Every structure is written in structure tokens, then in C-alpha cells.
Amino acid sequence: LGPEFVAEALRADEVASKAAEGRTLKFLANVDPVDFALCVRDLDPEETLIVVISKTFTTAETMLNAKTARDWLVNGLRE
């Protein structure tokens, strides 16, 4: 996972590490709904930024994860 590698590399940089204090990074690489639920269970949609990364945005798995994340955000913000 490229983004996870970048996050690990930045963690070693003192300035980047200090700027990231209080923030949590999570990565989701499959379409298992249980994994998604576990990944977001302690998050607040009003304080969460989700970034979907894909080379083509054409794979069914990527699109399903993006839709699942969008639905979680939209439903959480309506509450």
C-alpha cells in the first residue's frame, strides 16, 4: 500500500510527526463490511476525512469501498 508506506515514512520525520499529533490514520484495503465497521467504529463522521486512492477508479472493490465510506459519512452527518 503506497499511502501506508508514505505515512510510515512521515512518522519518522520530526516536523511531520509533530504536525500529526492527535490525528489517526487508518487504512482499508478490502471490501469486508466487518473490516470497514471496525475501522470506523471509534470515528466521528463530522471529524473524519476519507481519501480514496486508486489507479483507475474502475475496480468493483474500489468503488464498493468508496460507496460504503460515502454512505457512512452521509448517514453519520444526518444524525
PDB file of N, CA and C in Angstrom:
ATOM      1  N   LEU A   1       0.832  -1.180   0.000  1.00  0.00           N
ATOM      2  CA  LEU A   1       0.000   0.000   0.000  1.00  0.00           C
ATOM      3  C   LEU A   1       0.882   1.250   0.000  1.00  0.00           C
ATOM      4  N   GLY A   2       0.873   1.981  -1.078  1.00  0.00           N
ATOM      5  CA  GLY A   2       1.683   3.184  -1.200  1.00  0.00           C
ATOM      6  C   GLY A   2       1.386   4.226  -0.143  1.00  0.00           C
ATOM      7  N   PRO A   3       0.114   4.563   0.079  1.00  0.00           N
ATOM      8  CA  PRO A   3      -0.202   5.577   1.099  1.00  0.00           C
ATOM      9  C   PRO A   3       0.250   5.176   2.504  1.00  0.00           C
ATOM     10  N   GLU A   4       0.156   3.895   2.812  1.00  0.00           N
ATOM     11  CA  GLU A   4       0.593   3.441   4.130  1.00  0.00           C
ATOM     12  C   GLU A   4       2.109   3.582   4.267  1.00  0.00           C
ATOM     13  N   PHE A   5       2.839   3.317   3.192  1.00  0.00           N
ATOM     14  CA  PHE A   5       4.286   3.488   3.197  1.00  0.00           C
ATOM     15  C   PHE A   5       4.653   4.953   3.437  1.00  0.00           C
ATOM     16  N   VAL A   6       3.968   5.867   2.772  1.00  0.00           N
ATOM     17  CA  VAL A   6       4.228   7.300   2.953  1.00  0.00           C
ATOM     18  C   VAL A   6       3.951   7.712   4.394  1.00  0.00           C
ATOM     19  N   ALA A   7       2.848   7.224   4.947  1.00  0.00           N
ATOM     20  CA  ALA A   7       2.517   7.556   6.337  1.00  0.00           C
ATOM     21  C   ALA A   7       3.611   7.073   7.290  1.00  0.00           C
ATOM     22  N   GLU A   8       4.112   5.872   7.053  1.00  0.00           N
ATOM     23  CA  GLU A   8       5.181   5.345   7.905  1.00  0.00           C
ATOM     24  C   GLU A   8       6.451   6.179   7.758  1.00  0.00           C
ATOM     25  N   ALA A   9       6.761   6.573   6.539  1.00  0.00           N
ATOM     26  CA  ALA A   9       7.952   7.383   6.307  1.00  0.00           C
ATOM     27  C   ALA A   9       7.834   8.741   6.994  1.00  0.00           C
ATOM     28  N   LEU A  10       6.668   9.360   6.910  1.00  0.00           N
ATOM     29  CA  LEU A  10       6.469  10.669   7.533  1.00  0.00           C
ATOM     30  C   LEU A  10       6.514  10.592   9.053  1.00  0.00           C
ATOM     31  N   ARG A  11       6.149   9.453   9.585  1.00  0.00           N
ATOM     32  CA  ARG A  11       6.186   9.277  11.033  1.00  0.00           C
ATOM     33  C   ARG A  11       7.603   9.422  11.573  1.00  0.00           C
ATOM     34  N   ALA A  12       8.581   9.105  10.731  1.00  0.00           N
ATOM     35  CA  ALA A  12       9.981   9.208  11.138  1.00  0.00           C
ATOM     36  C   ALA A  12      10.503  10.642  11.081  1.00  0.00           C
ATOM     37  N   ASP A  13       9.782  11.524  10.401  1.00  0.00           N
ATOM     38  CA  ASP A  13      10.193  12.926  10.295  1.00  0.00           C
ATOM     39  C   ASP A  13       9.647  13.689  11.496  1.00  0.00           C
ATOM     40  N   GLU A  14      10.527  14.378  12.217  1.00  0.00           N
ATOM     41  CA  GLU A  14      10.137  15.054  13.456  1.00  0.00           C
ATOM     42  C   GLU A  14       9.055  16.115  13.232  1.00  0.00           C
ATOM     43  N   VAL A  15       9.198  16.941  12.202  1.00  0.00           N
ATOM     44  CA  VAL A  15       8.227  18.007  11.937  1.00  0.00           C
ATOM     45  C   VAL A  15       6.872  17.411  11.540  1.00  0.00           C
ATOM     46  N   ALA A  16       6.899  16.433  10.646  1.00  0.00           N
ATOM     47  CA  ALA A  16       5.648  15.808  10.203  1.00  0.00           C
ATOM     48  C   ALA A  16       4.979  15.072  11.354  1.00  0.00           C
ATOM     49  N   SER A  17       5.772  14.398  12.149  1.00  0.00           N
ATOM     50  CA  SER A  17       5.227  13.663  13.284  1.00  0.00           C
ATOM     51  C   SER A  17       4.552  14.601  14.282  1.00  0.00           C
ATOM     52  N   LYS A  18       5.184  15.740  14.552  1.00  0.00           N
ATOM     53  CA  LYS A  18       4.604  16.708  15.481  1.00  0.00           C
ATOM     54  C   LYS A  18       3.314  17.297  14.908  1.00  0.00           C
ATOM     55  N   ALA A  19       3.293  17.578  13.601  1.00  0.00           N
ATOM     56  CA  ALA A  19       2.099  18.139  12.966  1.00  0.00           C
ATOM     57  C   ALA A  19       0.935  17.148  12.976  1.00  0.00           C
ATOM     58  N   ALA A  20       1.233  15.871  13.043  1.00  0.00           N
ATOM     59  CA  ALA A  20       0.193  14.843  13.000  1.00  0.00           C
ATOM     60  C   ALA A  20      -0.326  14.460  14.384  1.00  0.00           C
ATOM     61  N   GLU A  21       0.202  15.058  15.428  1.00  0.00           N
ATOM     62  CA  GLU A  21      -0.232  14.711  16.785  1.00  0.00           C
ATOM     63  C   GLU A  21      -1.734  14.904  16.916  1.00  0.00           C
ATOM     64  N   GLY A  22      -2.388  13.923  17.519  1.00  0.00           N
ATOM     65  CA  GLY A  22      -3.826  13.992  17.723  1.00  0.00           C
ATOM     66  C   GLY A  22      -4.635  13.477  16.542  1.00  0.00           C
ATOM     67  N   ARG A  23      -3.967  13.102  15.477  1.00  0.00           N
ATOM     68  CA  ARG A  23      -4.658  12.576  14.300  1.00  0.00           C
ATOM     69  C   ARG A  23      -4.425  11.071  14.222  1.00  0.00           C
ATOM     70  N   THR A  24      -5.377  10.370  13.638  1.00  0.00           N
ATOM     71  CA  THR A  24      -5.277   8.928  13.475  1.00  0.00           C
ATOM     72  C   THR A  24      -5.421   8.577  12.004  1.00  0.00           C
ATOM     73  N   LEU A  25      -4.510   7.768  11.516  1.00  0.00           N
ATOM     74  CA  LEU A  25      -4.600   7.263  10.148  1.00  0.00           C
ATOM     75  C   LEU A  25      -5.053   5.823  10.184  1.00  0.00           C
ATOM     76  N   LYS A  26      -5.994   5.493   9.308  1.00  0.00           N
ATOM     77  CA  LYS A  26      -6.454   4.118   9.185  1.00  0.00           C
ATOM     78  C   LYS A  26      -6.481   3.772   7.709  1.00  0.00           C
ATOM     79  N   PHE A  27      -6.230   2.514   7.403  1.00  0.00           N
ATOM     80  CA  PHE A  27      -6.186   2.063   6.019  1.00  0.00           C
ATOM     81  C   PHE A  27      -7.127   0.884   5.845  1.00  0.00           C
ATOM     82  N   LEU A  28      -7.840   0.890   4.739  1.00  0.00           N
ATOM     83  CA  LEU A  28      -8.768  -0.191   4.427  1.00  0.00           C
ATOM     84  C   LEU A  28      -8.448  -0.675   3.027  1.00  0.00           C
ATOM     85  N   ALA A  29      -8.149  -1.956   2.895  1.00  0.00           N
ATOM     86  CA  ALA A  29      -7.717  -2.471   1.594  1.00  0.00           C
ATOM     87  C   ALA A  29      -8.605  -3.597   1.070  1.00  0.00           C
ATOM     88  N   ASN A  30      -9.722  -3.856   1.715  1.00  0.00           N
ATOM     89  CA  ASN A  30     -10.608  -4.888   1.189  1.00  0.00           C
ATOM     90  C   ASN A  30     -12.060  -4.479   1.401  1.00  0.00           C
ATOM     91  N   VAL A  31     -12.979  -5.253   0.870  1.00  0.00           N
ATOM     92  CA  VAL A  31     -14.391  -4.859   0.898  1.00  0.00           C
ATOM     93  C   VAL A  31     -15.189  -5.556   1.997  1.00  0.00           C
ATOM     94  N   ASP A  32     -14.535  -6.155   2.941  1.00  0.00           N
ATOM     95  CA  ASP A  32     -15.233  -6.826   4.033  1.00  0.00           C
ATOM     96  C   ASP A  32     -15.950  -5.782   4.884  1.00  0.00           C
ATOM     97  N   PRO A  33     -17.285  -5.867   4.966  1.00  0.00           N
ATOM     98  CA  PRO A  33     -18.029  -4.873   5.757  1.00  0.00           C
ATOM     99  C   PRO A  33     -17.659  -4.876   7.239  1.00  0.00           C
ATOM    100  N   VAL A  34     -17.235  -6.010   7.750  1.00  0.00           N
ATOM    101  CA  VAL A  34     -16.818  -6.073   9.152  1.00  0.00           C
ATOM    102  C   VAL A  34     -15.538  -5.261   9.334  1.00  0.00           C
ATOM    103  N   ASP A  35     -14.596  -5.378   8.393  1.00  0.00           N
ATOM    104  CA  ASP A  35     -13.370  -4.582   8.470  1.00  0.00           C
ATOM    105  C   ASP A  35     -13.686  -3.090   8.430  1.00  0.00           C
ATOM    106  N   PHE A  36     -14.619  -2.697   7.566  1.00  0.00           N
ATOM    107  CA  PHE A  36     -14.988  -1.287   7.500  1.00  0.00           C
ATOM    108  C   PHE A  36     -15.583  -0.832   8.829  1.00  0.00           C
ATOM    109  N   ALA A  37     -16.501  -1.616   9.365  1.00  0.00           N
ATOM    110  CA  ALA A  37     -17.138  -1.261  10.638  1.00  0.00           C
ATOM    111  C   ALA A  37     -16.107  -1.137  11.755  1.00  0.00           C
ATOM    112  N   LEU A  38     -15.156  -2.049  11.796  1.00  0.00           N
ATOM    113  CA  LEU A  38     -14.102  -1.974  12.818  1.00  0.00           C
ATOM    114  C   LEU A  38     -13.216  -0.751  12.607  1.00  0.00           C
ATOM    115  N   CYS A  39     -12.977  -0.408  11.369  1.00  0.00           N
ATOM    116  CA  CYS A  39     -12.105   0.723  11.038  1.00  0.00           C
ATOM    117  C   CYS A  39     -12.726   2.053  11.468  1.00  0.00           C
ATOM    118  N   VAL A  40     -14.046   2.186  11.371  1.00  0.00           N
ATOM    119  CA  VAL A  40     -14.691   3.468  11.658  1.00  0.00           C
ATOM    120  C   VAL A  40     -15.431   3.512  12.995  1.00  0.00           C
ATOM    121  N   ARG A  41     -15.397   2.440  13.737  1.00  0.00           N
ATOM    122  CA  ARG A  41     -16.239   2.373  14.941  1.00  0.00           C
ATOM    123  C   ARG A  41     -15.951   3.454  15.969  1.00  0.00           C
ATOM    124  N   ASP A  42     -14.732   3.933  16.047  1.00  0.00           N
ATOM    125  CA  ASP A  42     -14.398   4.971  17.032  1.00  0.00           C
ATOM    126  C   ASP A  42     -14.263   6.348  16.392  1.00  0.00           C
ATOM    127  N   LEU A  43     -14.737   6.497  15.157  1.00  0.00           N
ATOM    128  CA  LEU A  43     -14.587   7.763  14.443  1.00  0.00           C
ATOM    129  C   LEU A  43     -15.892   8.542  14.410  1.00  0.00           C
ATOM    130  N   ASP A  44     -15.780   9.842  14.331  1.00  0.00           N
ATOM    131  CA  ASP A  44     -16.921  10.736  14.205  1.00  0.00           C
ATOM    132  C   ASP A  44     -16.954  11.245  12.765  1.00  0.00           C
ATOM    133  N   PRO A  45     -18.040  10.998  12.035  1.00  0.00           N
ATOM    134  CA  PRO A  45     -18.110  11.458  10.639  1.00  0.00           C
ATOM    135  C   PRO A  45     -17.870  12.959  10.489  1.00  0.00           C
ATOM    136  N   GLU A  46     -18.207  13.739  11.488  1.00  0.00           N
ATOM    137  CA  GLU A  46     -18.011  15.187  11.407  1.00  0.00           C
ATOM    138  C   GLU A  46     -16.541  15.590  11.523  1.00  0.00           C
ATOM    139  N   GLU A  47     -15.708  14.666  11.966  1.00  0.00           N
ATOM    140  CA  GLU A  47     -14.291  14.967  12.141  1.00  0.00           C
ATOM    141  C   GLU A  47     -13.401  14.028  11.331  1.00  0.00           C
ATOM    142  N   THR A  48     -13.990  13.372  10.341  1.00  0.00           N
ATOM    143  CA  THR A  48     -13.267  12.357   9.585  1.00  0.00           C
ATOM    144  C   THR A  48     -13.091  12.772   8.134  1.00  0.00           C
ATOM    145  N   LEU A  49     -11.887  12.619   7.641  1.00  0.00           N
ATOM    146  CA  LEU A  49     -11.572  12.823   6.230  1.00  0.00           C
ATOM    147  C   LEU A  49     -11.262  11.454   5.644  1.00  0.00           C
ATOM    148  N   ILE A  50     -11.958  11.094   4.591  1.00  0.00           N
ATOM    149  CA  ILE A  50     -11.702   9.826   3.914  1.00  0.00           C
ATOM    150  C   ILE A  50     -11.125  10.136   2.539  1.00  0.00           C
ATOM    151  N   VAL A  51     -10.006   9.494   2.236  1.00  0.00           N
ATOM    152  CA  VAL A  51      -9.355   9.655   0.943  1.00  0.00           C
ATOM    153  C   VAL A  51      -9.360   8.297   0.257  1.00  0.00           C
ATOM    154  N   VAL A  52      -9.943   8.247  -0.923  1.00  0.00           N
ATOM    155  CA  VAL A  52      -9.966   7.017  -1.706  1.00  0.00           C
ATOM    156  C   VAL A  52      -8.878   7.137  -2.764  1.00  0.00           C
ATOM    157  N   ILE A  53      -7.995   6.160  -2.786  1.00  0.00           N
ATOM    158  CA  ILE A  53      -6.886   6.181  -3.739  1.00  0.00           C
ATOM    159  C   ILE A  53      -6.987   4.954  -4.629  1.00  0.00           C
ATOM    160  N   SER A  54      -6.912   5.195  -5.923  1.00  0.00           N
ATOM    161  CA  SER A  54      -6.979   4.112  -6.902  1.00  0.00           C
ATOM    162  C   SER A  54      -6.267   4.557  -8.175  1.00  0.00           C
ATOM    163  N   LYS A  55      -5.707   3.616  -8.902  1.00  0.00           N
ATOM    164  CA  LYS A  55      -5.073   3.951 -10.181  1.00  0.00           C
ATOM    165  C   LYS A  55      -6.122   4.322 -11.223  1.00  0.00           C
ATOM    166  N   THR A  56      -7.237   3.590 -11.249  1.00  0.00           N
ATOM    167  CA  THR A  56      -8.209   3.783 -12.331  1.00  0.00           C
ATOM    168  C   THR A  56      -9.621   4.118 -11.872  1.00  0.00           C
ATOM    169  N   PHE A  57      -9.939   3.847 -10.624  1.00  0.00           N
ATOM    170  CA  PHE A  57     -11.296   4.010 -10.098  1.00  0.00           C
ATOM    171  C   PHE A  57     -12.315   3.217 -10.919  1.00  0.00           C
ATOM    172  N   THR A  58     -11.899   2.071 -11.413  1.00  0.00           N
ATOM    173  CA  THR A  58     -12.817   1.242 -12.201  1.00  0.00           C
ATOM    174  C   THR A  58     -13.049  -0.127 -11.581  1.00  0.00           C
ATOM    175  N   THR A  59     -12.273  -0.505 -10.587  1.00  0.00           N
ATOM    176  CA  THR A  59     -12.473  -1.832  -9.997  1.00  0.00           C
ATOM    177  C   THR A  59     -13.687  -1.819  -9.080  1.00  0.00           C
ATOM    178  N   ALA A  60     -14.393  -2.923  -9.089  1.00  0.00           N
ATOM    179  CA  ALA A  60     -15.612  -3.041  -8.278  1.00  0.00           C
ATOM    180  C   ALA A  60     -15.300  -2.866  -6.794  1.00  0.00           C
ATOM    181  N   GLU A  61     -14.163  -3.401  -6.347  1.00  0.00           N
ATOM    182  CA  GLU A  61     -13.802  -3.315  -4.932  1.00  0.00           C
ATOM    183  C   GLU A  61     -13.564  -1.870  -4.500  1.00  0.00           C
ATOM    184  N   THR A  62     -12.845  -1.122  -5.333  1.00  0.00           N
ATOM    185  CA  THR A  62     -12.593   0.285  -5.006  1.00  0.00           C
ATOM    186  C   THR A  62     -13.889   1.062  -4.943  1.00  0.00           C
ATOM    187  N   MET A  63     -14.741   0.861  -5.905  1.00  0.00           N
ATOM    188  CA  MET A  63     -15.997   1.596  -5.951  1.00  0.00           C
ATOM    189  C   MET A  63     -16.910   1.202  -4.788  1.00  0.00           C
ATOM    190  N   LEU A  64     -16.904  -0.071  -4.399  1.00  0.00           N
ATOM    191  CA  LEU A  64     -17.723  -0.506  -3.265  1.00  0.00           C
ATOM    192  C   LEU A  64     -17.207   0.119  -1.966  1.00  0.00           C
ATOM    193  N   ASN A  65     -15.888   0.135  -1.787  1.00  0.00           N
ATOM    194  CA  ASN A  65     -15.333   0.782  -0.588  1.00  0.00           C
ATOM    195  C   ASN A  65     -15.660   2.265  -0.570  1.00  0.00           C
ATOM    196  N   ALA A  66     -15.560   2.929  -1.720  1.00  0.00           N
ATOM    197  CA  ALA A  66     -15.868   4.359  -1.791  1.00  0.00           C
ATOM    198  C   ALA A  66     -17.331   4.611  -1.452  1.00  0.00           C
ATOM    199  N   LYS A  67     -18.218   3.778  -1.978  1.00  0.00           N
ATOM    200  CA  LYS A  67     -19.653   3.934  -1.690  1.00  0.00           C
ATOM    201  C   LYS A  67     -19.941   3.667  -0.214  1.00  0.00           C
ATOM    202  N   THR A  68     -19.330   2.640   0.321  1.00  0.00           N
ATOM    203  CA  THR A  68     -19.524   2.321   1.742  1.00  0.00           C
ATOM    204  C   THR A  68     -19.073   3.484   2.622  1.00  0.00           C
ATOM    205  N   ALA A  69     -17.916   4.063   2.297  1.00  0.00           N
ATOM    206  CA  ALA A  69     -17.400   5.192   3.066  1.00  0.00           C
ATOM    207  C   ALA A  69     -18.309   6.410   2.919  1.00  0.00           C
ATOM    208  N   ARG A  70     -18.754   6.674   1.702  1.00  0.00           N
ATOM    209  CA  ARG A  70     -19.653   7.808   1.474  1.00  0.00           C
ATOM    210  C   ARG A  70     -20.953   7.627   2.250  1.00  0.00           C
ATOM    211  N   ASP A  71     -21.521   6.439   2.178  1.00  0.00           N
ATOM    212  CA  ASP A  71     -22.767   6.169   2.902  1.00  0.00           C
ATOM    213  C   ASP A  71     -22.584   6.363   4.400  1.00  0.00           C
ATOM    214  N   TRP A  72     -21.445   5.905   4.938  1.00  0.00           N
ATOM    215  CA  TRP A  72     -21.174   6.070   6.368  1.00  0.00           C
ATOM    216  C   TRP A  72     -21.101   7.554   6.729  1.00  0.00           C
ATOM    217  N   LEU A  73     -20.399   8.317   5.890  1.00  0.00           N
ATOM    218  CA  LEU A  73     -20.297   9.758   6.148  1.00  0.00           C
ATOM    219  C   LEU A  73     -21.647  10.442   6.068  1.00  0.00           C
ATOM    220  N   VAL A  74     -22.384  10.218   4.998  1.00  0.00           N
ATOM    221  CA  VAL A  74     -23.674  10.882   4.793  1.00  0.00           C
ATOM    222  C   VAL A  74     -24.651  10.511   5.901  1.00  0.00           C
ATOM    223  N   ASN A  75     -24.746   9.235   6.209  1.00  0.00           N
ATOM    224  CA  ASN A  75     -25.668   8.807   7.273  1.00  0.00           C
ATOM    225  C   ASN A  75     -25.258   9.359   8.632  1.00  0.00           C
ATOM    226  N   GLY A  76     -23.965   9.404   8.884  1.00  0.00           N
ATOM    227  CA  GLY A  76     -23.477   9.928  10.160  1.00  0.00           C
ATOM    228  C   GLY A  76     -23.695  11.424  10.303  1.00  0.00           C
ATOM    229  N   LEU A  77     -23.648  12.146   9.216  1.00  0.00           N
ATOM    230  CA  LEU A  77     -23.831  13.590   9.255  1.00  0.00           C
ATOM    231  C   LEU A  77     -25.304  13.974   9.367  1.00  0.00           C
ATOM    232  N   ARG A  78     -26.188  13.073   8.985  1.00  0.00           N
ATOM    233  CA  ARG A  78     -27.641  13.346   9.092  1.00  0.00           C
ATOM    234  C   ARG A  78     -28.134  13.225  10.523  1.00  0.00           C
ATOM    235  N   GLU A  79     -27.406  12.493  11.358  1.00  0.00           N
ATOM    236  CA  GLU A  79     -27.866  12.237  12.724  1.00  0.00           C
ATOM    237  C   GLU A  79     -27.834  13.470  13.586  1.00  0.00           C
TER     238      GLU A  79
END
